[in-house]
Amino acid sequence: FLLTFLLLEITAKLTKKRVVGVRFVFSSVIG
């Protein structure tokens, strides 16, 4: 869960996408 969350954070920084905490949590649960 933590690793997926960090992967999404890196992806967001590279793509300059807006970080939405709830969506990141759901995605990390899937990971």
ModelCIF file with pLDDT and N, C-alpha, C, O atoms, coordinates in Angstrom:
data_MODEL
#
_entry.id   MODEL 
#
_entity.id                         1 
_entity.type                       polymer 
_entity.pdbx_number_of_molecules   1 
#
_entity_poly.entity_id                      1 
_entity_poly.type                           'polypeptide(L)' 
_entity_poly.nstd_linkage                   no 
_entity_poly.nstd_monomer                   no 
_entity_poly.pdbx_seq_one_letter_code       FLLTFLLLEITAKLTKKRVVGVRFVFSSVIG 
_entity_poly.pdbx_seq_one_letter_code_can   FLLTFLLLEITAKLTKKRVVGVRFVFSSVIG 
_entity_poly.pdbx_strand_id                 A 
#
loop_
_entity_poly_seq.entity_id 
_entity_poly_seq.num 
_entity_poly_seq.mon_id 
_entity_poly_seq.hetero 
1 1  PHE n 
1 2  LEU n 
1 3  LEU n 
1 4  THR n 
1 5  PHE n 
1 6  LEU n 
1 7  LEU n 
1 8  LEU n 
1 9  GLU n 
1 10 ILE n 
1 11 THR n 
1 12 ALA n 
1 13 LYS n 
1 14 LEU n 
1 15 THR n 
1 16 LYS n 
1 17 LYS n 
1 18 ARG n 
1 19 VAL n 
1 20 VAL n 
1 21 GLY n 
1 22 VAL n 
1 23 ARG n 
1 24 PHE n 
1 25 VAL n 
1 26 PHE n 
1 27 SER n 
1 28 SER n 
1 29 VAL n 
1 30 ILE n 
1 31 GLY n 
#
_struct_asym.id          A 
_struct_asym.entity_id   1 
#
loop_
_ma_qa_metric.id 
_ma_qa_metric.mode 
_ma_qa_metric.name 
_ma_qa_metric.software_group_id 
_ma_qa_metric.type 
1 global pLDDT . pLDDT 
2 local  pLDDT . pLDDT 
#
_ma_qa_metric_global.metric_id      1 
_ma_qa_metric_global.metric_value   87.71 
_ma_qa_metric_global.model_id       1 
_ma_qa_metric_global.ordinal_id     1 
#
loop_
_ma_qa_metric_local.label_asym_id 
_ma_qa_metric_local.label_comp_id 
_ma_qa_metric_local.label_seq_id 
_ma_qa_metric_local.metric_id 
_ma_qa_metric_local.metric_value 
_ma_qa_metric_local.model_id 
_ma_qa_metric_local.ordinal_id 
A PHE 1  2 91.00 1 1  
A LEU 2  2 90.00 1 2  
A LEU 3  2 88.00 1 3  
A THR 4  2 91.00 1 4  
A PHE 5  2 92.00 1 5  
A LEU 6  2 90.00 1 6  
A LEU 7  2 90.00 1 7  
A LEU 8  2 92.00 1 8  
A GLU 9  2 90.00 1 9  
A ILE 10 2 89.00 1 10 
A THR 11 2 90.00 1 11 
A ALA 12 2 87.00 1 12 
A LYS 13 2 83.00 1 13 
A LEU 14 2 82.00 1 14 
A THR 15 2 82.00 1 15 
A LYS 16 2 76.00 1 16 
A LYS 17 2 79.00 1 17 
A ARG 18 2 74.00 1 18 
A VAL 19 2 76.00 1 19 
A VAL 20 2 78.00 1 20 
A GLY 21 2 83.00 1 21 
A VAL 22 2 90.00 1 22 
A ARG 23 2 91.00 1 23 
A PHE 24 2 92.00 1 24 
A VAL 25 2 93.00 1 25 
A PHE 26 2 94.00 1 26 
A SER 27 2 94.00 1 27 
A SER 28 2 93.00 1 28 
A VAL 29 2 94.00 1 29 
A ILE 30 2 94.00 1 30 
A GLY 31 2 91.00 1 31 
#
loop_
_atom_site.group_PDB 
_atom_site.id 
_atom_site.type_symbol 
_atom_site.label_atom_id 
_atom_site.label_alt_id 
_atom_site.label_comp_id 
_atom_site.label_asym_id 
_atom_site.label_entity_id 
_atom_site.label_seq_id 
_atom_site.pdbx_PDB_ins_code 
_atom_site.Cartn_x 
_atom_site.Cartn_y 
_atom_site.Cartn_z 
_atom_site.occupancy 
_atom_site.B_iso_or_equiv 
_atom_site.pdbx_formal_charge 
_atom_site.auth_seq_id 
_atom_site.auth_comp_id 
_atom_site.auth_asym_id 
_atom_site.auth_atom_id 
_atom_site.pdbx_PDB_model_num 
ATOM 1   N N  . PHE A 1 1  ? 0.841  -1.198 0.000   1.00 91.00 ? 1  PHE A N  1 
ATOM 2   C CA . PHE A 1 1  ? 0.000  0.000  0.000   1.00 91.00 ? 1  PHE A CA 1 
ATOM 3   C C  . PHE A 1 1  ? 0.876  1.249  0.000   1.00 91.00 ? 1  PHE A C  1 
ATOM 4   O O  . PHE A 1 1  ? 0.648  2.173  -0.780  1.00 91.00 ? 1  PHE A O  1 
ATOM 5   N N  . LEU A 1 2  ? 1.877  1.273  0.875   1.00 90.00 ? 2  LEU A N  1 
ATOM 6   C CA . LEU A 1 2  ? 2.783  2.418  0.972   1.00 90.00 ? 2  LEU A CA 1 
ATOM 7   C C  . LEU A 1 2  ? 3.579  2.599  -0.314  1.00 90.00 ? 2  LEU A C  1 
ATOM 8   O O  . LEU A 1 2  ? 3.736  3.720  -0.798  1.00 90.00 ? 2  LEU A O  1 
ATOM 9   N N  . LEU A 1 3  ? 4.080  1.504  -0.865  1.00 88.00 ? 3  LEU A N  1 
ATOM 10  C CA . LEU A 1 3  ? 4.876  1.593  -2.089  1.00 88.00 ? 3  LEU A CA 1 
ATOM 11  C C  . LEU A 1 3  ? 4.034  2.108  -3.248  1.00 88.00 ? 3  LEU A C  1 
ATOM 12  O O  . LEU A 1 3  ? 4.494  2.943  -4.026  1.00 88.00 ? 3  LEU A O  1 
ATOM 13  N N  . THR A 1 4  ? 2.813  1.620  -3.366  1.00 91.00 ? 4  THR A N  1 
ATOM 14  C CA . THR A 1 4  ? 1.941  2.102  -4.437  1.00 91.00 ? 4  THR A CA 1 
ATOM 15  C C  . THR A 1 4  ? 1.664  3.587  -4.269  1.00 91.00 ? 4  THR A C  1 
ATOM 16  O O  . THR A 1 4  ? 1.648  4.337  -5.246  1.00 91.00 ? 4  THR A O  1 
ATOM 17  N N  . PHE A 1 5  ? 1.445  4.012  -3.026  1.00 92.00 ? 5  PHE A N  1 
ATOM 18  C CA . PHE A 1 5  ? 1.189  5.428  -2.755  1.00 92.00 ? 5  PHE A CA 1 
ATOM 19  C C  . PHE A 1 5  ? 2.384  6.278  -3.169  1.00 92.00 ? 5  PHE A C  1 
ATOM 20  O O  . PHE A 1 5  ? 2.210  7.330  -3.783  1.00 92.00 ? 5  PHE A O  1 
ATOM 21  N N  . LEU A 1 6  ? 3.599  5.833  -2.839  1.00 90.00 ? 6  LEU A N  1 
ATOM 22  C CA . LEU A 1 6  ? 4.802  6.582  -3.221  1.00 90.00 ? 6  LEU A CA 1 
ATOM 23  C C  . LEU A 1 6  ? 4.994  6.591  -4.740  1.00 90.00 ? 6  LEU A C  1 
ATOM 24  O O  . LEU A 1 6  ? 5.428  7.592  -5.309  1.00 90.00 ? 6  LEU A O  1 
ATOM 25  N N  . LEU A 1 7  ? 4.669  5.469  -5.390  1.00 90.00 ? 7  LEU A N  1 
ATOM 26  C CA . LEU A 1 7  ? 4.736  5.419  -6.854  1.00 90.00 ? 7  LEU A CA 1 
ATOM 27  C C  . LEU A 1 7  ? 3.805  6.457  -7.477  1.00 90.00 ? 7  LEU A C  1 
ATOM 28  O O  . LEU A 1 7  ? 4.173  7.133  -8.438  1.00 90.00 ? 7  LEU A O  1 
ATOM 29  N N  . LEU A 1 8  ? 2.618  6.577  -6.932  1.00 92.00 ? 8  LEU A N  1 
ATOM 30  C CA . LEU A 1 8  ? 1.658  7.554  -7.441  1.00 92.00 ? 8  LEU A CA 1 
ATOM 31  C C  . LEU A 1 8  ? 2.127  8.978  -7.173  1.00 92.00 ? 8  LEU A C  1 
ATOM 32  O O  . LEU A 1 8  ? 1.907  9.869  -7.994  1.00 92.00 ? 8  LEU A O  1 
ATOM 33  N N  . GLU A 1 9  ? 2.770  9.198  -6.030  1.00 90.00 ? 9  GLU A N  1 
ATOM 34  C CA . GLU A 1 9  ? 3.305  10.524 -5.718  1.00 90.00 ? 9  GLU A CA 1 
ATOM 35  C C  . GLU A 1 9  ? 4.388  10.924 -6.722  1.00 90.00 ? 9  GLU A C  1 
ATOM 36  O O  . GLU A 1 9  ? 4.404  12.054 -7.210  1.00 90.00 ? 9  GLU A O  1 
ATOM 37  N N  . ILE A 1 10 ? 5.294  9.988  -7.027  1.00 89.00 ? 10 ILE A N  1 
ATOM 38  C CA . ILE A 1 10 ? 6.342  10.258 -8.015  1.00 89.00 ? 10 ILE A CA 1 
ATOM 39  C C  . ILE A 1 10 ? 5.723  10.526 -9.378  1.00 89.00 ? 10 ILE A C  1 
ATOM 40  O O  . ILE A 1 10 ? 6.128  11.452 -10.081 1.00 89.00 ? 10 ILE A O  1 
ATOM 41  N N  . THR A 1 11 ? 4.737  9.709  -9.751  1.00 90.00 ? 11 THR A N  1 
ATOM 42  C CA . THR A 1 11 ? 4.056  9.892  -11.031 1.00 90.00 ? 11 THR A CA 1 
ATOM 43  C C  . THR A 1 11 ? 3.379  11.260 -11.097 1.00 90.00 ? 11 THR A C  1 
ATOM 44  O O  . THR A 1 11 ? 3.432  11.933 -12.126 1.00 90.00 ? 11 THR A O  1 
ATOM 45  N N  . ALA A 1 12 ? 2.747  11.668 -10.004 1.00 87.00 ? 12 ALA A N  1 
ATOM 46  C CA . ALA A 1 12 ? 2.076  12.971 -9.957  1.00 87.00 ? 12 ALA A CA 1 
ATOM 47  C C  . ALA A 1 12 ? 3.077  14.113 -10.114 1.00 87.00 ? 12 ALA A C  1 
ATOM 48  O O  . ALA A 1 12 ? 2.795  15.098 -10.797 1.00 87.00 ? 12 ALA A O  1 
ATOM 49  N N  . LYS A 1 13 ? 4.243  13.984 -9.487  1.00 83.00 ? 13 LYS A N  1 
ATOM 50  C CA . LYS A 1 13 ? 5.253  15.033 -9.593  1.00 83.00 ? 13 LYS A CA 1 
ATOM 51  C C  . LYS A 1 13 ? 5.809  15.128 -11.007 1.00 83.00 ? 13 LYS A C  1 
ATOM 52  O O  . LYS A 1 13 ? 6.064  16.227 -11.499 1.00 83.00 ? 13 LYS A O  1 
ATOM 53  N N  . LEU A 1 14 ? 6.000  13.980 -11.668 1.00 82.00 ? 14 LEU A N  1 
ATOM 54  C CA . LEU A 1 14 ? 6.536  13.983 -13.024 1.00 82.00 ? 14 LEU A CA 1 
ATOM 55  C C  . LEU A 1 14 ? 5.522  14.497 -14.035 1.00 82.00 ? 14 LEU A C  1 
ATOM 56  O O  . LEU A 1 14 ? 5.887  15.193 -14.982 1.00 82.00 ? 14 LEU A O  1 
ATOM 57  N N  . THR A 1 15 ? 4.262  14.163 -13.843 1.00 82.00 ? 15 THR A N  1 
ATOM 58  C CA . THR A 1 15 ? 3.223  14.568 -14.792 1.00 82.00 ? 15 THR A CA 1 
ATOM 59  C C  . THR A 1 15 ? 2.557  15.874 -14.405 1.00 82.00 ? 15 THR A C  1 
ATOM 60  O O  . THR A 1 15 ? 1.779  16.430 -15.181 1.00 82.00 ? 15 THR A O  1 
ATOM 61  N N  . LYS A 1 16 ? 2.858  16.374 -13.196 1.00 76.00 ? 16 LYS A N  1 
ATOM 62  C CA . LYS A 1 16 ? 2.234  17.577 -12.643 1.00 76.00 ? 16 LYS A CA 1 
ATOM 63  C C  . LYS A 1 16 ? 0.717  17.412 -12.535 1.00 76.00 ? 16 LYS A C  1 
ATOM 64  O O  . LYS A 1 16 ? -0.043 18.358 -12.746 1.00 76.00 ? 16 LYS A O  1 
ATOM 65  N N  . LYS A 1 17 ? 0.297  16.193 -12.202 1.00 79.00 ? 17 LYS A N  1 
ATOM 66  C CA . LYS A 1 17 ? -1.111 15.929 -11.974 1.00 79.00 ? 17 LYS A CA 1 
ATOM 67  C C  . LYS A 1 17 ? -1.490 16.368 -10.561 1.00 79.00 ? 17 LYS A C  1 
ATOM 68  O O  . LYS A 1 17 ? -0.666 16.344 -9.647  1.00 79.00 ? 17 LYS A O  1 
ATOM 69  N N  . ARG A 1 18 ? -2.738 16.765 -10.401 1.00 74.00 ? 18 ARG A N  1 
ATOM 70  C CA . ARG A 1 18 ? -3.228 17.160 -9.085  1.00 74.00 ? 18 ARG A CA 1 
ATOM 71  C C  . ARG A 1 18 ? -3.373 15.919 -8.196  1.00 74.00 ? 18 ARG A C  1 
ATOM 72  O O  . ARG A 1 18 ? -3.920 14.901 -8.622  1.00 74.00 ? 18 ARG A O  1 
ATOM 73  N N  . VAL A 1 19 ? -2.880 16.014 -6.970  1.00 76.00 ? 19 VAL A N  1 
ATOM 74  C CA . VAL A 1 19 ? -2.962 14.909 -6.016  1.00 76.00 ? 19 VAL A CA 1 
ATOM 75  C C  . VAL A 1 19 ? -4.286 14.984 -5.257  1.00 76.00 ? 19 VAL A C  1 
ATOM 76  O O  . VAL A 1 19 ? -4.568 15.969 -4.575  1.00 76.00 ? 19 VAL A O  1 
ATOM 77  N N  . VAL A 1 20 ? -5.089 13.934 -5.385  1.00 78.00 ? 20 VAL A N  1 
ATOM 78  C CA . VAL A 1 20 ? -6.349 13.824 -4.644  1.00 78.00 ? 20 VAL A CA 1 
ATOM 79  C C  . VAL A 1 20 ? -6.210 12.656 -3.678  1.00 78.00 ? 20 VAL A C  1 
ATOM 80  O O  . VAL A 1 20 ? -6.155 11.498 -4.091  1.00 78.00 ? 20 VAL A O  1 
ATOM 81  N N  . GLY A 1 21 ? -6.154 12.972 -2.386  1.00 83.00 ? 21 GLY A N  1 
ATOM 82  C CA . GLY A 1 21 ? -5.844 11.965 -1.375  1.00 83.00 ? 21 GLY A CA 1 
ATOM 83  C C  . GLY A 1 21 ? -6.737 10.743 -1.405  1.00 83.00 ? 21 GLY A C  1 
ATOM 84  O O  . GLY A 1 21 ? -6.249 9.618  -1.301  1.00 83.00 ? 21 GLY A O  1 
ATOM 85  N N  . VAL A 1 22 ? -8.054 10.946 -1.548  1.00 90.00 ? 22 VAL A N  1 
ATOM 86  C CA . VAL A 1 22 ? -8.990 9.820  -1.523  1.00 90.00 ? 22 VAL A CA 1 
ATOM 87  C C  . VAL A 1 22 ? -8.733 8.884  -2.696  1.00 90.00 ? 22 VAL A C  1 
ATOM 88  O O  . VAL A 1 22 ? -8.745 7.664  -2.533  1.00 90.00 ? 22 VAL A O  1 
ATOM 89  N N  . ARG A 1 23 ? -8.503 9.444  -3.868  1.00 91.00 ? 23 ARG A N  1 
ATOM 90  C CA . ARG A 1 23 ? -8.260 8.618  -5.057  1.00 91.00 ? 23 ARG A CA 1 
ATOM 91  C C  . ARG A 1 23 ? -6.944 7.851  -4.920  1.00 91.00 ? 23 ARG A C  1 
ATOM 92  O O  . ARG A 1 23 ? -6.846 6.695  -5.331  1.00 91.00 ? 23 ARG A O  1 
ATOM 93  N N  . PHE A 1 24 ? -5.928 8.510  -4.334  1.00 92.00 ? 24 PHE A N  1 
ATOM 94  C CA . PHE A 1 24 ? -4.649 7.843  -4.124  1.00 92.00 ? 24 PHE A CA 1 
ATOM 95  C C  . PHE A 1 24 ? -4.799 6.669  -3.153  1.00 92.00 ? 24 PHE A C  1 
ATOM 96  O O  . PHE A 1 24 ? -4.178 5.622  -3.336  1.00 92.00 ? 24 PHE A O  1 
ATOM 97  N N  . VAL A 1 25 ? -5.622 6.850  -2.128  1.00 93.00 ? 25 VAL A N  1 
ATOM 98  C CA . VAL A 1 25 ? -5.841 5.776  -1.159  1.00 93.00 ? 25 VAL A CA 1 
ATOM 99  C C  . VAL A 1 25 ? -6.495 4.577  -1.833  1.00 93.00 ? 25 VAL A C  1 
ATOM 100 O O  . VAL A 1 25 ? -6.061 3.442  -1.638  1.00 93.00 ? 25 VAL A O  1 
ATOM 101 N N  . PHE A 1 26 ? -7.535 4.821  -2.622  1.00 94.00 ? 26 PHE A N  1 
ATOM 102 C CA . PHE A 1 26 ? -8.212 3.720  -3.312  1.00 94.00 ? 26 PHE A CA 1 
ATOM 103 C C  . PHE A 1 26 ? -7.247 2.998  -4.261  1.00 94.00 ? 26 PHE A C  1 
ATOM 104 O O  . PHE A 1 26 ? -7.237 1.769  -4.325  1.00 94.00 ? 26 PHE A O  1 
ATOM 105 N N  . SER A 1 27 ? -6.437 3.768  -4.996  1.00 94.00 ? 27 SER A N  1 
ATOM 106 C CA . SER A 1 27 ? -5.477 3.169  -5.918  1.00 94.00 ? 27 SER A CA 1 
ATOM 107 C C  . SER A 1 27 ? -4.440 2.338  -5.171  1.00 94.00 ? 27 SER A C  1 
ATOM 108 O O  . SER A 1 27 ? -4.051 1.261  -5.622  1.00 94.00 ? 27 SER A O  1 
ATOM 109 N N  . SER A 1 28 ? -3.999 2.847  -4.030  1.00 93.00 ? 28 SER A N  1 
ATOM 110 C CA . SER A 1 28 ? -3.004 2.129  -3.241  1.00 93.00 ? 28 SER A CA 1 
ATOM 111 C C  . SER A 1 28 ? -3.577 0.833  -2.671  1.00 93.00 ? 28 SER A C  1 
ATOM 112 O O  . SER A 1 28 ? -2.862 -0.162 -2.547  1.00 93.00 ? 28 SER A O  1 
ATOM 113 N N  . VAL A 1 29 ? -4.869 0.843  -2.323  1.00 94.00 ? 29 VAL A N  1 
ATOM 114 C CA . VAL A 1 29 ? -5.530 -0.384 -1.863  1.00 94.00 ? 29 VAL A CA 1 
ATOM 115 C C  . VAL A 1 29 ? -5.525 -1.428 -2.983  1.00 94.00 ? 29 VAL A C  1 
ATOM 116 O O  . VAL A 1 29 ? -5.301 -2.612 -2.730  1.00 94.00 ? 29 VAL A O  1 
ATOM 117 N N  . ILE A 1 30 ? -5.771 -0.991 -4.212  1.00 94.00 ? 30 ILE A N  1 
ATOM 118 C CA . ILE A 1 30 ? -5.740 -1.917 -5.357  1.00 94.00 ? 30 ILE A CA 1 
ATOM 119 C C  . ILE A 1 30 ? -4.338 -2.494 -5.533  1.00 94.00 ? 30 ILE A C  1 
ATOM 120 O O  . ILE A 1 30 ? -4.179 -3.693 -5.765  1.00 94.00 ? 30 ILE A O  1 
ATOM 121 N N  . GLY A 1 31 ? -3.314 -1.630 -5.420  1.00 91.00 ? 31 GLY A N  1 
ATOM 122 C CA . GLY A 1 31 ? -1.935 -2.100 -5.538  1.00 91.00 ? 31 GLY A CA 1 
ATOM 123 C C  . GLY A 1 31 ? -1.573 -3.081 -4.448  1.00 91.00 ? 31 GLY A C  1 
ATOM 124 O O  . GLY A 1 31 ? -0.444 -3.571 -4.408  1.00 91.00 ? 31 GLY A O  1 
#
